[in-house]
Structures are given as C-alpha cells and as structure tokens.
Amino acid sequence: RHPEKEIVPAGMFYYQIQDPILERKGEEEISQNAVLEAMRPRGIFNGEERVVSLFQKEAEGDGKSRWIPAVMKDGRPVPGRSAAVSEKQFVQLRDFVYRRMEQFGSAIAEGEVSAKPYRQKGRTGCDYCEFQTVCGFDRKLSGYEYRRLSERKPEEIWKELAKAGEESWQ
C-alpha cells in the first residue's frame, strides 16, 4: 500500500489467551498492575529507540513495562532484563526461519516425515502435541529417541544466527 515507506519489524510476541490466575495475599485486592503484568506478552521486540517509544508510554515504579517484556530505565530497555533485539537480529532471525522452512519443505516433498521430537529440561515436544495418537513415535521401539536440546544463552544463539547468515550469502 505504501511503497515509499520502510517496513520495520517491531516485535514477535505470543500471548496466552486466557484469564491469568493470580493469588491474593490475605484480604488485599489484586491490583490492575498485577493483572497487566501477568498478561504481558512474551517474545522479543525491536530495541531501537524509535520503535520502543511507540510501545512504551510509561513504566511502573520498578521500571517494568506494561506492554513489552522489558525493564526500562530512562526510556530504554535495560540489557539483560529485557527481550530487546536489534533490527539486524530481526533480519538474521527472519532469514534463518526462511532457510529452515525451505529445508523442511524440501525434506517433506522428498518424503521425509518422521517424528523427531525434542527433550529439554524434562519437557518434550510431545507434551502438548495434538498428533500423538497418529504420529507413531514410541520410545519403546528401537530407533525412536528424543533429540536432546542443550541449554544455550541468548547471546550464543544470536552469534550462531549471525554466522549462519554470513555463510548462506557466500
């Protein structure tokens, strides 16, 4: 609609659509801020000042944003306490996802449809899967094992994405 305008990614969020369950402390009423904090979306957002200013109108006394997963100080996300990423990181993530979709799509088109769920910290990809009854994954059968995902810090993942992006352009 507006070819003269630059499209800037603002955020990728997920939000659980259900009322939060909050506990009262004694007879004290649950505050509106507690409800908003429980309902705050999770995910990542563009930490560039021009984008943050559109999300963030005010912060609570503790600096927590009501609208994005961030702790703010002087109108900026506090590193290490916020899910802010740069525009460059958004592009790296987008490119990585596109490449993986192409890989998965090609594998499926070639007939590769085996179940390969993960296990990480006692959770698995099967825990909430709607297709458990039809996928055929059964650890009791030989050859069926979970892929073990390692715990990695966000910085490590962003370095991997940057490196993968550089390699894909060569």
N, C-alpha and C. Protein backbone atom coordinates (compact mmCIF):
# COMPACT_ATOMS: atom_id res chain seq x y z
N ARG A 1 0.81 -1.21 0.00
CA ARG A 1 0.00 0.00 0.00
C ARG A 1 0.85 1.26 0.00
N HIS A 2 1.99 1.22 0.68
CA HIS A 2 2.83 2.41 0.79
C HIS A 2 4.27 2.06 0.42
N PRO A 3 4.55 1.93 -0.88
CA PRO A 3 5.90 1.51 -1.29
C PRO A 3 6.99 2.49 -0.88
N GLU A 4 6.64 3.71 -0.60
CA GLU A 4 7.65 4.70 -0.20
C GLU A 4 8.05 4.57 1.27
N LYS A 5 7.32 3.75 2.02
CA LYS A 5 7.58 3.60 3.46
C LYS A 5 8.46 2.39 3.72
N GLU A 6 9.32 2.53 4.70
CA GLU A 6 10.18 1.43 5.13
C GLU A 6 9.41 0.59 6.16
N ILE A 7 9.46 -0.71 5.98
CA ILE A 7 8.81 -1.62 6.93
C ILE A 7 9.86 -2.01 7.97
N VAL A 8 9.55 -1.73 9.22
CA VAL A 8 10.47 -2.01 10.31
C VAL A 8 9.81 -3.03 11.24
N PRO A 9 10.48 -4.17 11.48
CA PRO A 9 9.89 -5.14 12.40
C PRO A 9 9.84 -4.55 13.81
N ALA A 10 8.71 -4.71 14.47
CA ALA A 10 8.55 -4.15 15.82
C ALA A 10 8.66 -5.22 16.89
N GLY A 11 8.11 -6.38 16.65
CA GLY A 11 8.18 -7.43 17.67
C GLY A 11 7.54 -8.71 17.20
N MET A 12 7.90 -9.77 17.89
CA MET A 12 7.26 -11.07 17.70
C MET A 12 6.86 -11.52 19.10
N PHE A 13 5.56 -11.60 19.31
CA PHE A 13 5.06 -11.90 20.64
C PHE A 13 4.12 -13.08 20.59
N TYR A 14 4.01 -13.73 21.69
CA TYR A 14 2.97 -14.73 21.85
C TYR A 14 2.25 -14.42 23.15
N TYR A 15 1.00 -14.73 23.13
CA TYR A 15 0.13 -14.34 24.22
C TYR A 15 -0.84 -15.47 24.48
N GLN A 16 -0.91 -15.89 25.72
CA GLN A 16 -1.85 -16.95 26.08
C GLN A 16 -3.21 -16.31 26.33
N ILE A 17 -4.18 -16.72 25.53
CA ILE A 17 -5.50 -16.10 25.62
C ILE A 17 -6.34 -16.83 26.67
N GLN A 18 -6.14 -16.42 27.89
CA GLN A 18 -6.98 -16.89 28.99
C GLN A 18 -6.72 -15.96 30.17
N ASP A 19 -7.67 -15.92 31.06
CA ASP A 19 -7.51 -15.06 32.23
C ASP A 19 -6.37 -15.58 33.09
N PRO A 20 -5.51 -14.68 33.58
CA PRO A 20 -4.42 -15.13 34.44
C PRO A 20 -4.95 -15.59 35.79
N ILE A 21 -4.24 -16.54 36.40
CA ILE A 21 -4.58 -17.00 37.74
C ILE A 21 -3.61 -16.31 38.69
N LEU A 22 -4.14 -15.46 39.54
CA LEU A 22 -3.32 -14.72 40.49
C LEU A 22 -3.77 -15.05 41.91
N GLU A 23 -2.82 -15.08 42.82
CA GLU A 23 -3.15 -15.37 44.22
C GLU A 23 -3.21 -14.08 45.02
N ARG A 24 -4.18 -14.02 45.89
CA ARG A 24 -4.29 -12.88 46.80
C ARG A 24 -3.36 -13.08 47.98
N LYS A 25 -2.91 -11.98 48.52
CA LYS A 25 -2.12 -12.01 49.74
C LYS A 25 -3.02 -11.48 50.85
N GLY A 26 -3.62 -12.42 51.58
CA GLY A 26 -4.55 -12.01 52.63
C GLY A 26 -5.83 -11.48 52.02
N GLU A 27 -6.32 -10.40 52.58
CA GLU A 27 -7.56 -9.78 52.11
C GLU A 27 -7.30 -8.71 51.05
N GLU A 28 -6.04 -8.50 50.72
CA GLU A 28 -5.65 -7.47 49.77
C GLU A 28 -6.22 -7.77 48.38
N GLU A 29 -6.78 -6.75 47.72
CA GLU A 29 -7.30 -6.89 46.37
C GLU A 29 -6.13 -7.02 45.38
N ILE A 30 -6.37 -7.72 44.31
CA ILE A 30 -5.36 -7.86 43.27
C ILE A 30 -5.37 -6.59 42.44
N SER A 31 -4.21 -5.98 42.26
CA SER A 31 -4.13 -4.71 41.56
C SER A 31 -4.24 -4.89 40.05
N GLN A 32 -4.64 -3.83 39.41
CA GLN A 32 -4.72 -3.81 37.94
C GLN A 32 -3.33 -4.03 37.35
N ASN A 33 -2.29 -3.48 38.01
CA ASN A 33 -0.93 -3.66 37.53
C ASN A 33 -0.51 -5.12 37.57
N ALA A 34 -0.92 -5.85 38.62
CA ALA A 34 -0.59 -7.28 38.71
C ALA A 34 -1.25 -8.05 37.57
N VAL A 35 -2.47 -7.68 37.23
CA VAL A 35 -3.18 -8.34 36.13
C VAL A 35 -2.47 -8.03 34.81
N LEU A 36 -2.12 -6.76 34.58
CA LEU A 36 -1.43 -6.39 33.35
C LEU A 36 -0.08 -7.07 33.24
N GLU A 37 0.63 -7.19 34.35
CA GLU A 37 1.94 -7.86 34.32
C GLU A 37 1.77 -9.33 33.95
N ALA A 38 0.76 -9.99 34.51
CA ALA A 38 0.52 -11.39 34.21
C ALA A 38 0.10 -11.58 32.74
N MET A 39 -0.52 -10.57 32.16
CA MET A 39 -1.00 -10.66 30.78
C MET A 39 0.00 -10.13 29.75
N ARG A 40 1.12 -9.58 30.22
CA ARG A 40 2.11 -9.02 29.30
C ARG A 40 2.58 -10.10 28.33
N PRO A 41 2.61 -9.80 27.02
CA PRO A 41 3.03 -10.81 26.06
C PRO A 41 4.51 -11.15 26.23
N ARG A 42 4.87 -12.36 25.82
CA ARG A 42 6.26 -12.80 25.83
C ARG A 42 6.77 -12.78 24.41
N GLY A 43 8.07 -12.79 24.26
CA GLY A 43 8.66 -12.80 22.93
C GLY A 43 9.82 -11.84 22.88
N ILE A 44 10.08 -11.31 21.69
CA ILE A 44 11.16 -10.34 21.51
C ILE A 44 10.61 -9.10 20.83
N PHE A 45 11.33 -7.99 21.01
CA PHE A 45 10.90 -6.74 20.37
C PHE A 45 12.11 -5.98 19.88
N ASN A 46 11.86 -5.10 18.95
CA ASN A 46 12.90 -4.25 18.37
C ASN A 46 13.30 -3.21 19.41
N GLY A 47 14.55 -3.26 19.84
CA GLY A 47 15.02 -2.37 20.89
C GLY A 47 15.46 -0.99 20.41
N GLU A 48 15.30 -0.72 19.11
CA GLU A 48 15.68 0.60 18.59
C GLU A 48 14.77 1.66 19.21
N GLU A 49 15.34 2.78 19.56
CA GLU A 49 14.61 3.83 20.29
C GLU A 49 13.33 4.26 19.58
N ARG A 50 13.38 4.39 18.26
CA ARG A 50 12.20 4.84 17.51
C ARG A 50 11.05 3.84 17.61
N VAL A 51 11.36 2.56 17.81
CA VAL A 51 10.32 1.55 17.93
C VAL A 51 9.84 1.44 19.37
N VAL A 52 10.78 1.42 20.31
CA VAL A 52 10.43 1.31 21.73
C VAL A 52 9.50 2.43 22.14
N SER A 53 9.74 3.62 21.62
CA SER A 53 8.91 4.77 22.00
C SER A 53 7.45 4.57 21.60
N LEU A 54 7.20 3.78 20.56
CA LEU A 54 5.83 3.51 20.14
C LEU A 54 5.14 2.51 21.06
N PHE A 55 5.92 1.59 21.62
CA PHE A 55 5.38 0.60 22.56
C PHE A 55 5.20 1.18 23.94
N GLN A 56 6.19 1.92 24.36
CA GLN A 56 6.35 2.27 25.76
C GLN A 56 5.92 3.70 26.04
N LYS A 57 4.80 3.83 26.69
CA LYS A 57 4.35 5.17 27.07
C LYS A 57 4.74 5.50 28.50
N GLU A 58 4.70 4.50 29.37
CA GLU A 58 5.10 4.72 30.75
C GLU A 58 5.56 3.39 31.33
N ALA A 59 6.32 3.45 32.40
CA ALA A 59 6.78 2.25 33.10
C ALA A 59 6.35 2.37 34.55
N GLU A 60 6.25 1.23 35.20
CA GLU A 60 5.91 1.23 36.62
C GLU A 60 7.10 1.76 37.41
N GLY A 61 6.89 1.94 38.70
CA GLY A 61 7.95 2.43 39.58
C GLY A 61 9.19 1.55 39.56
N ASP A 62 9.00 0.24 39.31
CA ASP A 62 10.14 -0.68 39.26
C ASP A 62 10.76 -0.73 37.87
N GLY A 63 10.23 0.06 36.92
CA GLY A 63 10.76 0.12 35.56
C GLY A 63 10.18 -0.92 34.62
N LYS A 64 9.33 -1.82 35.12
CA LYS A 64 8.76 -2.85 34.24
C LYS A 64 7.74 -2.23 33.30
N SER A 65 7.83 -2.62 32.05
CA SER A 65 6.87 -2.17 31.05
C SER A 65 5.57 -2.95 31.20
N ARG A 66 4.48 -2.27 30.93
CA ARG A 66 3.18 -2.95 30.92
C ARG A 66 2.94 -3.66 29.60
N TRP A 67 3.63 -3.26 28.54
CA TRP A 67 3.24 -3.69 27.20
C TRP A 67 4.24 -4.60 26.51
N ILE A 68 5.50 -4.56 26.91
CA ILE A 68 6.53 -5.39 26.27
C ILE A 68 7.36 -6.07 27.35
N PRO A 69 8.02 -7.18 27.02
CA PRO A 69 8.84 -7.88 28.01
C PRO A 69 10.14 -7.13 28.27
N ALA A 70 10.04 -6.07 29.09
CA ALA A 70 11.19 -5.22 29.31
C ALA A 70 11.15 -4.54 30.67
N VAL A 71 12.34 -4.28 31.17
CA VAL A 71 12.52 -3.37 32.28
C VAL A 71 13.17 -2.14 31.66
N MET A 72 12.59 -0.99 31.94
CA MET A 72 13.04 0.25 31.30
C MET A 72 13.77 1.15 32.27
N LYS A 73 14.74 1.88 31.74
CA LYS A 73 15.42 2.92 32.52
C LYS A 73 15.70 4.07 31.55
N ASP A 74 15.24 5.24 31.91
CA ASP A 74 15.41 6.43 31.06
C ASP A 74 14.86 6.20 29.65
N GLY A 75 13.74 5.49 29.55
CA GLY A 75 13.09 5.27 28.27
C GLY A 75 13.74 4.22 27.40
N ARG A 76 14.72 3.48 27.95
CA ARG A 76 15.41 2.46 27.16
C ARG A 76 15.34 1.11 27.87
N PRO A 77 15.31 0.03 27.10
CA PRO A 77 15.30 -1.30 27.71
C PRO A 77 16.63 -1.57 28.42
N VAL A 78 16.56 -2.14 29.61
CA VAL A 78 17.76 -2.48 30.37
C VAL A 78 18.31 -3.80 29.82
N PRO A 79 19.56 -3.81 29.34
CA PRO A 79 20.14 -5.06 28.82
C PRO A 79 20.16 -6.14 29.90
N GLY A 80 19.86 -7.36 29.48
CA GLY A 80 19.83 -8.48 30.41
C GLY A 80 18.52 -8.63 31.17
N ARG A 81 17.71 -7.58 31.16
CA ARG A 81 16.41 -7.64 31.85
C ARG A 81 15.27 -7.34 30.88
N SER A 82 15.59 -7.38 29.60
CA SER A 82 14.62 -7.07 28.56
C SER A 82 14.83 -8.01 27.38
N ALA A 83 13.79 -8.20 26.60
CA ALA A 83 13.86 -9.08 25.43
C ALA A 83 14.06 -8.26 24.16
N ALA A 84 14.86 -7.21 24.26
CA ALA A 84 15.10 -6.33 23.11
C ALA A 84 16.18 -6.92 22.20
N VAL A 85 15.94 -6.81 20.89
CA VAL A 85 16.94 -7.19 19.89
C VAL A 85 17.04 -6.06 18.87
N SER A 86 18.10 -6.09 18.09
CA SER A 86 18.30 -5.05 17.08
C SER A 86 17.55 -5.41 15.79
N GLU A 87 17.43 -4.43 14.91
CA GLU A 87 16.81 -4.69 13.61
C GLU A 87 17.62 -5.72 12.84
N LYS A 88 18.93 -5.66 12.97
CA LYS A 88 19.80 -6.62 12.29
C LYS A 88 19.51 -8.04 12.79
N GLN A 89 19.30 -8.19 14.10
CA GLN A 89 18.97 -9.51 14.64
C GLN A 89 17.62 -10.00 14.13
N PHE A 90 16.66 -9.10 13.98
CA PHE A 90 15.36 -9.49 13.40
C PHE A 90 15.56 -10.03 11.99
N VAL A 91 16.39 -9.37 11.21
CA VAL A 91 16.64 -9.81 9.83
C VAL A 91 17.33 -11.17 9.85
N GLN A 92 18.31 -11.34 10.75
CA GLN A 92 19.00 -12.63 10.85
C GLN A 92 18.02 -13.75 11.21
N LEU A 93 17.14 -13.48 12.16
CA LEU A 93 16.16 -14.47 12.58
C LEU A 93 15.19 -14.79 11.43
N ARG A 94 14.71 -13.76 10.76
CA ARG A 94 13.80 -13.97 9.63
C ARG A 94 14.46 -14.82 8.56
N ASP A 95 15.71 -14.48 8.21
CA ASP A 95 16.42 -15.24 7.17
C ASP A 95 16.63 -16.69 7.59
N PHE A 96 16.96 -16.90 8.86
CA PHE A 96 17.15 -18.25 9.36
C PHE A 96 15.86 -19.05 9.26
N VAL A 97 14.74 -18.44 9.66
CA VAL A 97 13.45 -19.12 9.61
C VAL A 97 13.08 -19.45 8.16
N TYR A 98 13.30 -18.52 7.23
CA TYR A 98 13.01 -18.80 5.83
C TYR A 98 13.84 -19.97 5.31
N ARG A 99 15.14 -19.98 5.65
CA ARG A 99 16.00 -21.09 5.21
C ARG A 99 15.52 -22.42 5.78
N ARG A 100 15.16 -22.44 7.06
CA ARG A 100 14.68 -23.68 7.69
C ARG A 100 13.36 -24.13 7.06
N MET A 101 12.47 -23.19 6.76
CA MET A 101 11.20 -23.56 6.11
C MET A 101 11.48 -24.20 4.76
N GLU A 102 12.43 -23.64 4.01
CA GLU A 102 12.78 -24.22 2.72
C GLU A 102 13.34 -25.63 2.90
N GLN A 103 14.23 -25.81 3.89
CA GLN A 103 14.82 -27.13 4.15
C GLN A 103 13.74 -28.14 4.53
N PHE A 104 12.87 -27.76 5.46
CA PHE A 104 11.82 -28.66 5.90
C PHE A 104 10.85 -28.97 4.76
N GLY A 105 10.49 -27.95 4.01
CA GLY A 105 9.58 -28.15 2.88
C GLY A 105 10.17 -29.11 1.85
N SER A 106 11.45 -28.94 1.54
CA SER A 106 12.12 -29.84 0.59
C SER A 106 12.15 -31.27 1.12
N ALA A 107 12.48 -31.41 2.42
CA ALA A 107 12.53 -32.75 3.03
C ALA A 107 11.15 -33.41 2.98
N ILE A 108 10.11 -32.67 3.27
CA ILE A 108 8.76 -33.23 3.23
C ILE A 108 8.39 -33.62 1.80
N ALA A 109 8.74 -32.75 0.83
CA ALA A 109 8.44 -33.05 -0.58
C ALA A 109 9.18 -34.31 -1.04
N GLU A 110 10.32 -34.61 -0.43
CA GLU A 110 11.09 -35.81 -0.77
C GLU A 110 10.63 -37.03 0.03
N GLY A 111 9.61 -36.84 0.87
CA GLY A 111 9.04 -37.97 1.60
C GLY A 111 9.52 -38.13 3.04
N GLU A 112 10.33 -37.23 3.54
CA GLU A 112 10.82 -37.31 4.92
C GLU A 112 9.76 -36.74 5.86
N VAL A 113 9.09 -37.61 6.60
CA VAL A 113 8.03 -37.16 7.51
C VAL A 113 8.15 -37.81 8.89
N SER A 114 9.34 -38.29 9.23
CA SER A 114 9.49 -38.98 10.52
C SER A 114 9.36 -38.00 11.69
N ALA A 115 8.88 -38.53 12.80
CA ALA A 115 8.72 -37.73 14.02
C ALA A 115 10.08 -37.62 14.71
N LYS A 116 10.48 -36.40 15.05
CA LYS A 116 11.76 -36.17 15.72
C LYS A 116 11.56 -35.16 16.85
N PRO A 117 10.78 -35.51 17.87
CA PRO A 117 10.51 -34.56 18.95
C PRO A 117 11.74 -34.31 19.82
N TYR A 118 11.73 -33.21 20.54
CA TYR A 118 12.85 -32.84 21.40
C TYR A 118 12.56 -33.17 22.86
N ARG A 119 13.63 -33.16 23.65
CA ARG A 119 13.54 -33.23 25.10
C ARG A 119 14.51 -32.18 25.64
N GLN A 120 14.00 -31.39 26.57
CA GLN A 120 14.83 -30.37 27.21
C GLN A 120 14.28 -30.11 28.60
N LYS A 121 15.13 -30.26 29.59
CA LYS A 121 14.75 -29.99 30.98
C LYS A 121 13.45 -30.69 31.38
N GLY A 122 13.31 -31.95 31.07
CA GLY A 122 12.12 -32.70 31.48
C GLY A 122 10.88 -32.43 30.65
N ARG A 123 10.96 -31.55 29.67
CA ARG A 123 9.82 -31.30 28.79
C ARG A 123 10.12 -31.90 27.42
N THR A 124 9.07 -32.23 26.70
CA THR A 124 9.26 -32.76 25.35
C THR A 124 8.31 -32.07 24.38
N GLY A 125 8.60 -32.24 23.11
CA GLY A 125 7.73 -31.72 22.07
C GLY A 125 6.40 -32.44 22.01
N CYS A 126 6.31 -33.59 22.69
CA CYS A 126 5.08 -34.38 22.68
C CYS A 126 4.10 -33.95 23.78
N ASP A 127 4.57 -33.19 24.74
CA ASP A 127 3.76 -32.87 25.92
C ASP A 127 2.38 -32.31 25.59
N TYR A 128 2.29 -31.45 24.59
CA TYR A 128 1.01 -30.83 24.25
C TYR A 128 0.64 -31.05 22.79
N CYS A 129 1.27 -32.04 22.17
CA CYS A 129 1.04 -32.28 20.74
C CYS A 129 -0.32 -32.93 20.51
N GLU A 130 -1.04 -32.40 19.54
CA GLU A 130 -2.37 -32.93 19.19
C GLU A 130 -2.28 -34.21 18.36
N PHE A 131 -1.09 -34.53 17.86
CA PHE A 131 -0.95 -35.64 16.91
C PHE A 131 -0.30 -36.88 17.52
N GLN A 132 -0.20 -36.95 18.84
CA GLN A 132 0.45 -38.10 19.49
C GLN A 132 -0.16 -39.43 19.06
N THR A 133 -1.45 -39.46 18.90
CA THR A 133 -2.11 -40.73 18.59
C THR A 133 -1.85 -41.21 17.17
N VAL A 134 -1.40 -40.34 16.28
CA VAL A 134 -1.20 -40.75 14.88
C VAL A 134 0.23 -40.66 14.39
N CYS A 135 1.14 -40.05 15.15
CA CYS A 135 2.49 -39.82 14.62
C CYS A 135 3.36 -41.07 14.63
N GLY A 136 3.09 -42.00 15.52
CA GLY A 136 3.85 -43.25 15.53
C GLY A 136 5.11 -43.21 16.37
N PHE A 137 5.42 -42.08 17.01
CA PHE A 137 6.62 -42.00 17.83
C PHE A 137 6.40 -42.79 19.11
N ASP A 138 7.28 -43.77 19.35
CA ASP A 138 7.15 -44.63 20.54
C ASP A 138 8.55 -44.98 21.03
N ARG A 139 8.93 -44.47 22.17
CA ARG A 139 10.27 -44.73 22.71
C ARG A 139 10.51 -46.19 23.03
N LYS A 140 9.45 -46.96 23.14
CA LYS A 140 9.61 -48.39 23.43
C LYS A 140 10.16 -49.16 22.23
N LEU A 141 10.06 -48.55 21.05
CA LEU A 141 10.57 -49.18 19.83
C LEU A 141 11.98 -48.70 19.55
N SER A 142 12.81 -49.60 19.04
CA SER A 142 14.20 -49.20 18.77
C SER A 142 14.23 -48.16 17.64
N GLY A 143 15.16 -47.24 17.76
CA GLY A 143 15.31 -46.17 16.77
C GLY A 143 14.53 -44.91 17.08
N TYR A 144 13.67 -44.96 18.10
CA TYR A 144 12.89 -43.79 18.47
C TYR A 144 13.50 -43.15 19.71
N GLU A 145 14.12 -42.02 19.53
CA GLU A 145 14.73 -41.29 20.64
C GLU A 145 14.41 -39.81 20.48
N TYR A 146 14.38 -39.13 21.59
CA TYR A 146 14.20 -37.68 21.56
C TYR A 146 15.50 -37.01 21.13
N ARG A 147 15.37 -35.91 20.42
CA ARG A 147 16.53 -35.05 20.17
C ARG A 147 16.76 -34.26 21.44
N ARG A 148 17.93 -34.25 21.95
CA ARG A 148 18.22 -33.52 23.20
C ARG A 148 18.68 -32.11 22.85
N LEU A 149 17.93 -31.14 23.32
CA LEU A 149 18.29 -29.74 23.10
C LEU A 149 19.12 -29.27 24.28
N SER A 150 20.21 -28.62 23.97
CA SER A 150 21.07 -28.11 25.04
C SER A 150 20.58 -26.73 25.48
N GLU A 151 20.94 -26.38 26.69
CA GLU A 151 20.63 -25.04 27.20
C GLU A 151 21.69 -24.09 26.65
N ARG A 152 21.24 -23.04 26.01
CA ARG A 152 22.17 -22.04 25.49
C ARG A 152 21.69 -20.66 25.87
N LYS A 153 22.63 -19.79 26.05
CA LYS A 153 22.30 -18.40 26.36
C LYS A 153 21.88 -17.70 25.07
N PRO A 154 21.01 -16.70 25.21
CA PRO A 154 20.57 -15.98 24.00
C PRO A 154 21.74 -15.44 23.18
N GLU A 155 22.80 -14.98 23.82
CA GLU A 155 23.95 -14.43 23.09
C GLU A 155 24.56 -15.48 22.17
N GLU A 156 24.62 -16.73 22.64
CA GLU A 156 25.18 -17.80 21.83
C GLU A 156 24.31 -18.06 20.61
N ILE A 157 23.00 -18.04 20.81
CA ILE A 157 22.08 -18.29 19.70
C ILE A 157 22.18 -17.18 18.66
N TRP A 158 22.25 -15.92 19.11
CA TRP A 158 22.36 -14.81 18.16
C TRP A 158 23.67 -14.89 17.38
N LYS A 159 24.75 -15.33 18.02
CA LYS A 159 26.03 -15.50 17.30
C LYS A 159 25.90 -16.57 16.22
N GLU A 160 25.23 -17.67 16.56
CA GLU A 160 25.00 -18.74 15.59
C GLU A 160 24.18 -18.25 14.41
N LEU A 161 23.13 -17.48 14.69
CA LEU A 161 22.29 -16.95 13.61
C LEU A 161 23.08 -16.02 12.71
N ALA A 162 23.92 -15.19 13.30
CA ALA A 162 24.75 -14.26 12.52
C ALA A 162 25.71 -15.04 11.64
N LYS A 163 26.33 -16.06 12.20
CA LYS A 163 27.29 -16.88 11.44
C LYS A 163 26.57 -17.63 10.31
N ALA A 164 25.41 -18.21 10.62
CA ALA A 164 24.64 -18.94 9.60
C ALA A 164 24.24 -18.00 8.47
N GLY A 165 23.89 -16.76 8.81
CA GLY A 165 23.52 -15.79 7.78
C GLY A 165 24.68 -15.44 6.88
N GLU A 166 25.86 -15.26 7.47
CA GLU A 166 27.05 -14.95 6.68
C GLU A 166 27.39 -16.08 5.74
N GLU A 167 27.29 -17.33 6.23
CA GLU A 167 27.63 -18.49 5.41
C GLU A 167 26.64 -18.67 4.27
N SER A 168 25.36 -18.33 4.49
CA SER A 168 24.36 -18.53 3.45
C SER A 168 24.54 -17.54 2.31
N TRP A 169 25.20 -16.42 2.52
CA TRP A 169 25.39 -15.43 1.46
C TRP A 169 26.66 -15.69 0.66
N GLN A 170 27.47 -16.65 1.08
CA GLN A 170 28.73 -16.92 0.37
C GLN A 170 28.53 -17.88 -0.77
